[in-house]
Amino acid sequence: MLRRLSVVLIALCLTACGVEPEPTQTIEEQAAEAKTLFWEVFNAGAYERIPEAQTKLLAVYEQDQTLGENAMLLGVSYYWYAAEWRRDLSRPNSGQYEAILNTDKYLTVALELRPNDARIMCWLGGAKTFRSQVERKPALMDEGLALIDKCATLYPSFGLILKGFVSSFLPVQSDLYQEGISAMWRNVDVCIDKEIDRTNPDFTSYMHLTNNLSGQYLACWNGPTAPHNLEGFWFFMGDVLTKAGHKEQAKAIYNNALLVPDVQKWVFYDKLTARIATVDQRAELYSDSDMKNDPPMVTQDTFQCVLCHQKQ
């Protein structure tokens, strides 16, 4: 009460002296500004500006912890920060783990506020599967996978990708890796409303569908916040199939990304063409007994989030 009175008195004094007080932003306006900054930073792929966006988001969160979208974006910012940690290997790994703990913290709050938002379930599930590997707690893995499965039920075109994502770190022979491959194929089926030919998954005849961004199709194609979602999906799925030794399928899947108009302008175009040119060599490295020579998949690289979200 005293604090509120002091603010009012200062405003009155300024007015009496002929000075107009600075207009104050409502919490909603601050949240909108923080959201705009987050997407500006994310779509620019400006990893080094993540702390700037987090400062804005945290300022809102500290004032009002009932804003679900703000808490969600805060959690996602930490997820991105942890996911692309290898951009600067001079940092201690403990920082990556702390970022995942913050991801878990803020996304847990966000899910409490938005219990039907399947996207939050998926991101939170991913954070818990990461924690399970660091903390060696199988229960966390089970909890994370359960969240992702629920997400995949509610929002298949989003959840099935995340299922493939978290399983991609595992050995090819594991049941979860094989489930991840199946999830990726089912994701394609969901987006085209039919089963794509597994032996010849050429997407040419389905490209006309990519203009439909209604409902869950928003997670299928390129949209406002994920301008290269489709190219990124084919890139990732190609990696998953290459690691499994499905070389011909992988080549076809990678080549589907080349069907996207103006794909040559994509910042990761050269990485895509390099993937296409080296499928056989990389598949051979994955198949030998030396895991140390395995090429990094996109989920282990420094561009796993911006692959879909970076505009230029």
Protein backbone atom coordinates (compact mmCIF):
# COMPACT_ATOMS: atom_id res chain seq x y z
CA MET A 1 0.00 0.00 0.00
CA LEU A 2 2.79 2.42 0.93
CA ARG A 3 4.57 1.64 -2.35
CA ARG A 4 1.42 2.40 -4.34
CA LEU A 5 0.90 5.69 -2.48
CA SER A 6 4.49 6.76 -3.10
CA VAL A 7 4.08 6.20 -6.84
CA VAL A 8 0.90 8.29 -6.86
CA LEU A 9 2.57 11.11 -4.87
CA ILE A 10 5.54 11.21 -7.25
CA ALA A 11 3.17 11.44 -10.22
CA LEU A 12 1.28 14.31 -8.56
CA CYS A 13 4.51 16.16 -7.78
CA LEU A 14 5.69 15.82 -11.38
CA THR A 15 2.38 17.11 -12.68
CA ALA A 16 2.43 20.08 -10.27
CA CYS A 17 5.90 20.96 -11.53
CA GLY A 18 4.69 20.94 -15.12
CA VAL A 19 6.38 17.60 -15.93
CA GLU A 20 4.27 14.87 -17.49
CA PRO A 21 4.99 11.50 -15.80
CA GLU A 22 6.23 8.65 -18.01
CA PRO A 23 3.29 6.48 -19.10
CA THR A 24 3.50 3.00 -17.57
CA GLN A 25 2.84 -0.17 -19.56
CA THR A 26 0.21 -2.62 -18.45
CA ILE A 27 1.38 -6.17 -17.80
CA GLU A 28 -0.43 -7.23 -20.97
CA GLU A 29 1.52 -4.68 -23.00
CA GLN A 30 4.79 -5.83 -21.44
CA ALA A 31 3.90 -9.45 -22.21
CA ALA A 32 3.11 -8.56 -25.82
CA GLU A 33 6.42 -6.73 -26.16
CA ALA A 34 8.32 -9.68 -24.65
CA LYS A 35 6.57 -12.08 -27.02
CA THR A 36 7.45 -9.92 -30.03
CA LEU A 37 11.09 -9.80 -28.96
CA PHE A 38 11.22 -13.58 -28.42
CA TRP A 39 9.98 -14.28 -31.96
CA GLU A 40 12.24 -11.60 -33.41
CA VAL A 41 15.25 -13.29 -31.80
CA PHE A 42 14.15 -16.85 -32.61
CA ASN A 43 13.25 -16.17 -36.24
CA ALA A 44 16.58 -14.39 -36.69
CA GLY A 45 18.40 -17.42 -35.28
CA ALA A 46 20.13 -14.96 -32.96
CA TYR A 47 21.20 -17.43 -30.29
CA GLU A 48 23.44 -14.84 -28.63
CA ARG A 49 20.37 -12.68 -27.96
CA ILE A 50 18.49 -15.33 -25.98
CA PRO A 51 19.39 -13.66 -22.63
CA GLU A 52 17.91 -10.40 -23.94
CA ALA A 53 14.60 -12.09 -24.69
CA GLN A 54 14.67 -13.97 -21.40
CA THR A 55 15.17 -10.74 -19.44
CA LYS A 56 11.95 -9.35 -20.94
CA LEU A 57 10.02 -12.57 -20.41
CA LEU A 58 11.28 -12.93 -16.84
CA ALA A 59 10.33 -9.35 -16.00
CA VAL A 60 6.75 -10.18 -16.96
CA TYR A 61 6.81 -13.53 -15.16
CA GLU A 62 8.04 -11.97 -11.92
CA GLN A 63 5.11 -9.56 -11.96
CA ASP A 64 2.42 -12.01 -13.03
CA GLN A 65 2.80 -15.79 -12.97
CA THR A 66 -0.67 -16.41 -14.36
CA LEU A 67 0.18 -15.61 -17.98
CA GLY A 68 0.45 -19.02 -19.62
CA GLU A 69 1.87 -17.93 -22.96
CA ASN A 70 4.61 -15.89 -21.29
CA ALA A 71 5.62 -18.85 -19.11
CA MET A 72 5.57 -21.08 -22.19
CA LEU A 73 7.84 -18.80 -24.21
CA LEU A 74 10.18 -18.49 -21.25
CA GLY A 75 10.43 -22.27 -21.04
CA VAL A 76 10.97 -22.57 -24.80
CA SER A 77 13.73 -19.96 -24.66
CA TYR A 78 15.62 -22.11 -22.15
CA TYR A 79 14.93 -25.20 -24.26
CA TRP A 80 16.54 -23.52 -27.28
CA TYR A 81 19.43 -22.32 -25.12
CA ALA A 82 20.11 -25.90 -23.94
CA ALA A 83 19.47 -27.61 -27.28
CA GLU A 84 22.10 -25.62 -29.18
CA TRP A 85 24.61 -25.55 -26.33
CA ARG A 86 27.36 -26.89 -28.57
CA ARG A 87 27.59 -23.48 -30.26
CA ASP A 88 30.09 -22.56 -27.52
CA LEU A 89 31.97 -25.52 -26.10
CA SER A 90 33.98 -23.26 -23.77
CA ARG A 91 30.95 -23.14 -21.48
CA PRO A 92 30.62 -25.75 -18.72
CA ASN A 93 28.08 -28.50 -19.33
CA SER A 94 26.48 -27.64 -16.02
CA GLY A 95 25.03 -24.56 -17.72
CA GLN A 96 23.19 -26.74 -20.22
CA TYR A 97 21.70 -28.81 -17.40
CA GLU A 98 20.62 -25.65 -15.54
CA ALA A 99 18.90 -24.45 -18.72
CA ILE A 100 16.98 -27.74 -18.93
CA LEU A 101 15.92 -27.41 -15.29
CA ASN A 102 14.60 -23.93 -16.08
CA THR A 103 12.85 -25.36 -19.14
CA ASP A 104 11.14 -27.89 -16.91
CA LYS A 105 10.28 -25.24 -14.29
CA TYR A 106 8.61 -22.73 -16.57
CA LEU A 107 6.91 -25.25 -18.85
CA THR A 108 5.44 -26.99 -15.79
CA VAL A 109 3.89 -23.66 -14.78
CA ALA A 110 2.73 -23.06 -18.36
CA LEU A 111 1.03 -26.47 -18.54
CA GLU A 112 -0.76 -25.84 -15.26
CA LEU A 113 -2.12 -22.63 -16.77
CA ARG A 114 -2.82 -24.13 -20.20
CA PRO A 115 -3.56 -27.81 -19.47
CA ASN A 116 -4.90 -28.53 -22.95
CA ASP A 117 -1.96 -27.06 -24.87
CA ALA A 118 -0.38 -30.15 -26.43
CA ARG A 119 2.70 -28.23 -27.55
CA ILE A 120 3.67 -27.57 -23.94
CA MET A 121 3.24 -31.27 -23.15
CA CYS A 122 5.71 -32.10 -25.90
CA TRP A 123 8.35 -29.56 -24.93
CA LEU A 124 8.05 -30.47 -21.26
CA GLY A 125 8.26 -34.14 -22.16
CA GLY A 126 11.44 -33.48 -24.12
CA ALA A 127 12.97 -31.65 -21.17
CA LYS A 128 12.20 -34.54 -18.85
CA THR A 129 13.74 -37.12 -21.19
CA PHE A 130 16.92 -35.00 -21.26
CA ARG A 131 16.93 -34.76 -17.47
CA SER A 132 16.49 -38.52 -17.18
CA GLN A 133 19.75 -39.10 -19.04
CA VAL A 134 21.69 -36.65 -16.88
CA GLU A 135 20.13 -37.66 -13.57
CA ARG A 136 19.93 -41.36 -14.49
CA LYS A 137 16.29 -41.55 -13.45
CA PRO A 138 14.25 -43.90 -15.66
CA ALA A 139 11.05 -42.56 -14.09
CA LEU A 140 11.74 -39.16 -15.65
CA MET A 141 12.10 -40.82 -19.06
CA ASP A 142 8.77 -42.58 -18.58
CA GLU A 143 7.14 -39.30 -17.49
CA GLY A 144 8.56 -37.45 -20.47
CA LEU A 145 7.52 -40.10 -22.99
CA ALA A 146 4.01 -40.20 -21.50
CA LEU A 147 3.68 -36.45 -22.01
CA ILE A 148 4.88 -36.74 -25.61
CA ASP A 149 2.48 -39.63 -26.28
CA LYS A 150 -0.40 -37.54 -24.90
CA CYS A 151 0.70 -34.65 -27.11
CA ALA A 152 0.81 -36.98 -30.12
CA THR A 153 -2.76 -38.06 -29.40
CA LEU A 154 -4.07 -34.51 -29.09
CA TYR A 155 -1.89 -32.89 -31.77
CA PRO A 156 -0.42 -35.68 -33.94
CA SER A 157 1.41 -33.48 -36.45
CA PHE A 158 3.35 -31.92 -33.58
CA GLY A 159 3.73 -34.80 -31.14
CA LEU A 160 4.88 -37.43 -33.63
CA ILE A 161 7.83 -35.24 -34.61
CA LEU A 162 8.83 -34.85 -30.97
CA LYS A 163 8.63 -38.62 -30.52
CA GLY A 164 11.09 -39.03 -33.37
CA PHE A 165 13.25 -36.27 -31.90
CA VAL A 166 13.73 -37.76 -28.42
CA SER A 167 14.30 -41.27 -29.74
CA SER A 168 16.93 -40.17 -32.28
CA PHE A 169 19.66 -40.13 -29.61
CA LEU A 170 19.21 -43.84 -28.86
CA PRO A 171 20.81 -46.89 -30.51
CA VAL A 172 19.12 -47.95 -33.75
CA GLN A 173 18.44 -51.41 -32.33
CA SER A 174 16.38 -50.02 -29.44
CA ASP A 175 12.61 -50.32 -29.50
CA LEU A 176 12.27 -46.57 -28.93
CA TYR A 177 14.37 -45.72 -31.97
CA GLN A 178 12.23 -47.96 -34.14
CA GLU A 179 9.11 -46.37 -32.65
CA GLY A 180 10.61 -43.00 -33.55
CA ILE A 181 10.95 -44.05 -37.20
CA SER A 182 7.33 -45.19 -37.22
CA ALA A 183 6.27 -41.89 -35.65
CA MET A 184 7.98 -39.92 -38.42
CA TRP A 185 6.21 -41.91 -41.13
CA ARG A 186 2.87 -41.52 -39.32
CA ASN A 187 3.48 -37.79 -39.13
CA VAL A 188 3.65 -37.65 -42.93
CA ASP A 189 0.47 -39.74 -43.15
CA VAL A 190 -1.36 -37.40 -40.77
CA CYS A 191 -0.38 -34.36 -42.81
CA ILE A 192 -1.53 -35.77 -46.15
CA ASP A 193 -4.52 -37.72 -44.75
CA LYS A 194 -3.37 -40.96 -46.33
CA GLU A 195 -0.46 -43.39 -46.10
CA ILE A 196 2.54 -42.34 -48.14
CA ASP A 197 4.39 -45.02 -50.09
CA ARG A 198 7.25 -46.13 -47.85
CA THR A 199 9.24 -47.54 -50.75
CA ASN A 200 8.92 -44.43 -52.90
CA PRO A 201 8.04 -41.48 -50.61
CA ASP A 202 8.21 -38.84 -53.35
CA PHE A 203 6.20 -35.85 -52.12
CA THR A 204 5.72 -34.12 -55.48
CA SER A 205 2.02 -34.98 -55.80
CA TYR A 206 1.28 -33.68 -52.29
CA MET A 207 2.89 -30.26 -52.48
CA HIS A 208 -0.46 -28.62 -53.26
CA LEU A 209 -1.53 -29.43 -49.69
CA THR A 210 1.11 -27.22 -48.13
CA ASN A 211 -1.00 -24.06 -48.33
CA ASN A 212 -3.46 -25.36 -45.74
CA LEU A 213 -2.40 -23.97 -42.36
CA SER A 214 -5.69 -24.61 -40.58
CA GLY A 215 -5.86 -26.61 -37.36
CA GLN A 216 -3.15 -29.17 -36.88
CA TYR A 217 -1.89 -28.69 -40.44
CA LEU A 218 -0.08 -25.61 -39.12
CA ALA A 219 2.56 -27.99 -37.72
CA CYS A 220 2.90 -29.76 -41.07
CA TRP A 221 3.92 -26.95 -43.35
CA ASN A 222 5.82 -23.67 -43.43
CA GLY A 223 4.08 -20.99 -41.37
CA PRO A 224 4.64 -17.59 -39.76
CA THR A 225 6.73 -18.77 -36.80
CA ALA A 226 8.35 -21.77 -38.52
CA PRO A 227 9.06 -20.50 -42.05
CA HIS A 228 11.13 -23.57 -42.97
CA ASN A 229 9.25 -26.24 -41.06
CA LEU A 230 8.79 -28.51 -44.08
CA GLU A 231 12.42 -28.42 -45.23
CA GLY A 232 13.54 -28.94 -41.63
CA PHE A 233 11.25 -31.95 -41.22
CA TRP A 234 12.60 -33.71 -44.31
CA PHE A 235 16.17 -32.89 -43.20
CA PHE A 236 15.56 -34.43 -39.77
CA MET A 237 13.68 -37.47 -41.06
CA GLY A 238 16.46 -38.10 -43.58
CA ASP A 239 18.95 -38.17 -40.71
CA VAL A 240 16.80 -40.63 -38.75
CA LEU A 241 16.55 -43.00 -41.74
CA THR A 242 20.25 -42.68 -42.61
CA LYS A 243 21.26 -43.69 -39.10
CA ALA A 244 18.97 -46.72 -39.40
CA GLY A 245 20.65 -47.72 -42.68
CA HIS A 246 17.56 -47.04 -44.84
CA LYS A 247 19.65 -45.32 -47.48
CA GLU A 248 17.28 -45.20 -50.44
CA GLN A 249 14.40 -43.98 -48.30
CA ALA A 250 16.67 -41.36 -46.75
CA LYS A 251 17.72 -40.05 -50.17
CA ALA A 252 14.11 -39.74 -51.26
CA ILE A 253 13.15 -37.98 -48.03
CA TYR A 254 16.04 -35.50 -48.20
CA ASN A 255 15.16 -34.77 -51.82
CA ASN A 256 11.59 -33.91 -50.81
CA ALA A 257 13.02 -30.76 -49.22
CA LEU A 258 14.19 -29.65 -52.65
CA LEU A 259 10.54 -29.45 -53.76
CA VAL A 260 9.94 -26.41 -51.53
CA PRO A 261 9.89 -23.18 -53.60
CA ASP A 262 13.02 -21.05 -53.22
CA VAL A 263 14.71 -23.71 -51.10
CA GLN A 264 18.05 -22.48 -52.48
CA LYS A 265 17.60 -19.33 -50.38
CA TRP A 266 17.29 -21.36 -47.19
CA VAL A 267 20.25 -20.71 -44.90
CA PHE A 268 20.69 -24.48 -44.41
CA TYR A 269 20.43 -25.38 -48.09
CA ASP A 270 24.15 -26.22 -48.39
CA LYS A 271 23.91 -28.50 -45.36
CA LEU A 272 20.95 -30.24 -46.96
CA THR A 273 22.76 -30.88 -50.25
CA ALA A 274 25.78 -32.13 -48.30
CA ARG A 275 23.48 -34.59 -46.51
CA ILE A 276 22.13 -35.85 -49.84
CA ALA A 277 25.63 -36.33 -51.24
CA THR A 278 26.90 -38.31 -48.24
CA VAL A 279 24.04 -40.66 -47.34
CA ASP A 280 25.98 -43.82 -48.18
CA GLN A 281 29.14 -42.78 -46.32
CA ARG A 282 27.27 -41.66 -43.23
CA ALA A 283 25.11 -44.80 -43.14
CA GLU A 284 28.30 -46.89 -43.21
CA LEU A 285 29.78 -44.95 -40.28
CA TYR A 286 26.61 -45.41 -38.25
CA SER A 287 26.60 -49.16 -38.95
CA ASP A 288 30.14 -49.94 -37.80
CA SER A 289 31.04 -50.81 -34.21
CA ASP A 290 32.79 -47.51 -33.47
CA MET A 291 30.18 -45.10 -32.10
CA LYS A 292 32.80 -42.35 -31.77
CA ASN A 293 32.91 -41.86 -35.54
CA ASP A 294 29.13 -41.46 -35.90
CA PRO A 295 28.31 -38.20 -37.71
CA PRO A 296 26.17 -35.87 -35.60
CA MET A 297 22.49 -35.94 -36.44
CA VAL A 298 20.67 -32.63 -36.62
CA THR A 299 19.35 -33.27 -33.10
CA GLN A 300 22.94 -33.25 -31.88
CA ASP A 301 24.06 -30.22 -33.85
CA THR A 302 24.10 -26.46 -33.32
CA PHE A 303 21.09 -25.66 -35.49
CA GLN A 304 18.45 -28.15 -34.39
CA CYS A 305 15.91 -25.47 -33.39
CA VAL A 306 16.69 -22.75 -35.91
CA LEU A 307 16.61 -25.29 -38.76
CA CYS A 308 12.86 -24.70 -39.01
CA HIS A 309 12.49 -21.33 -37.31
CA GLN A 310 15.28 -19.13 -38.74
CA LYS A 311 13.93 -16.96 -41.55
CA GLN A 312 17.22 -15.90 -43.17
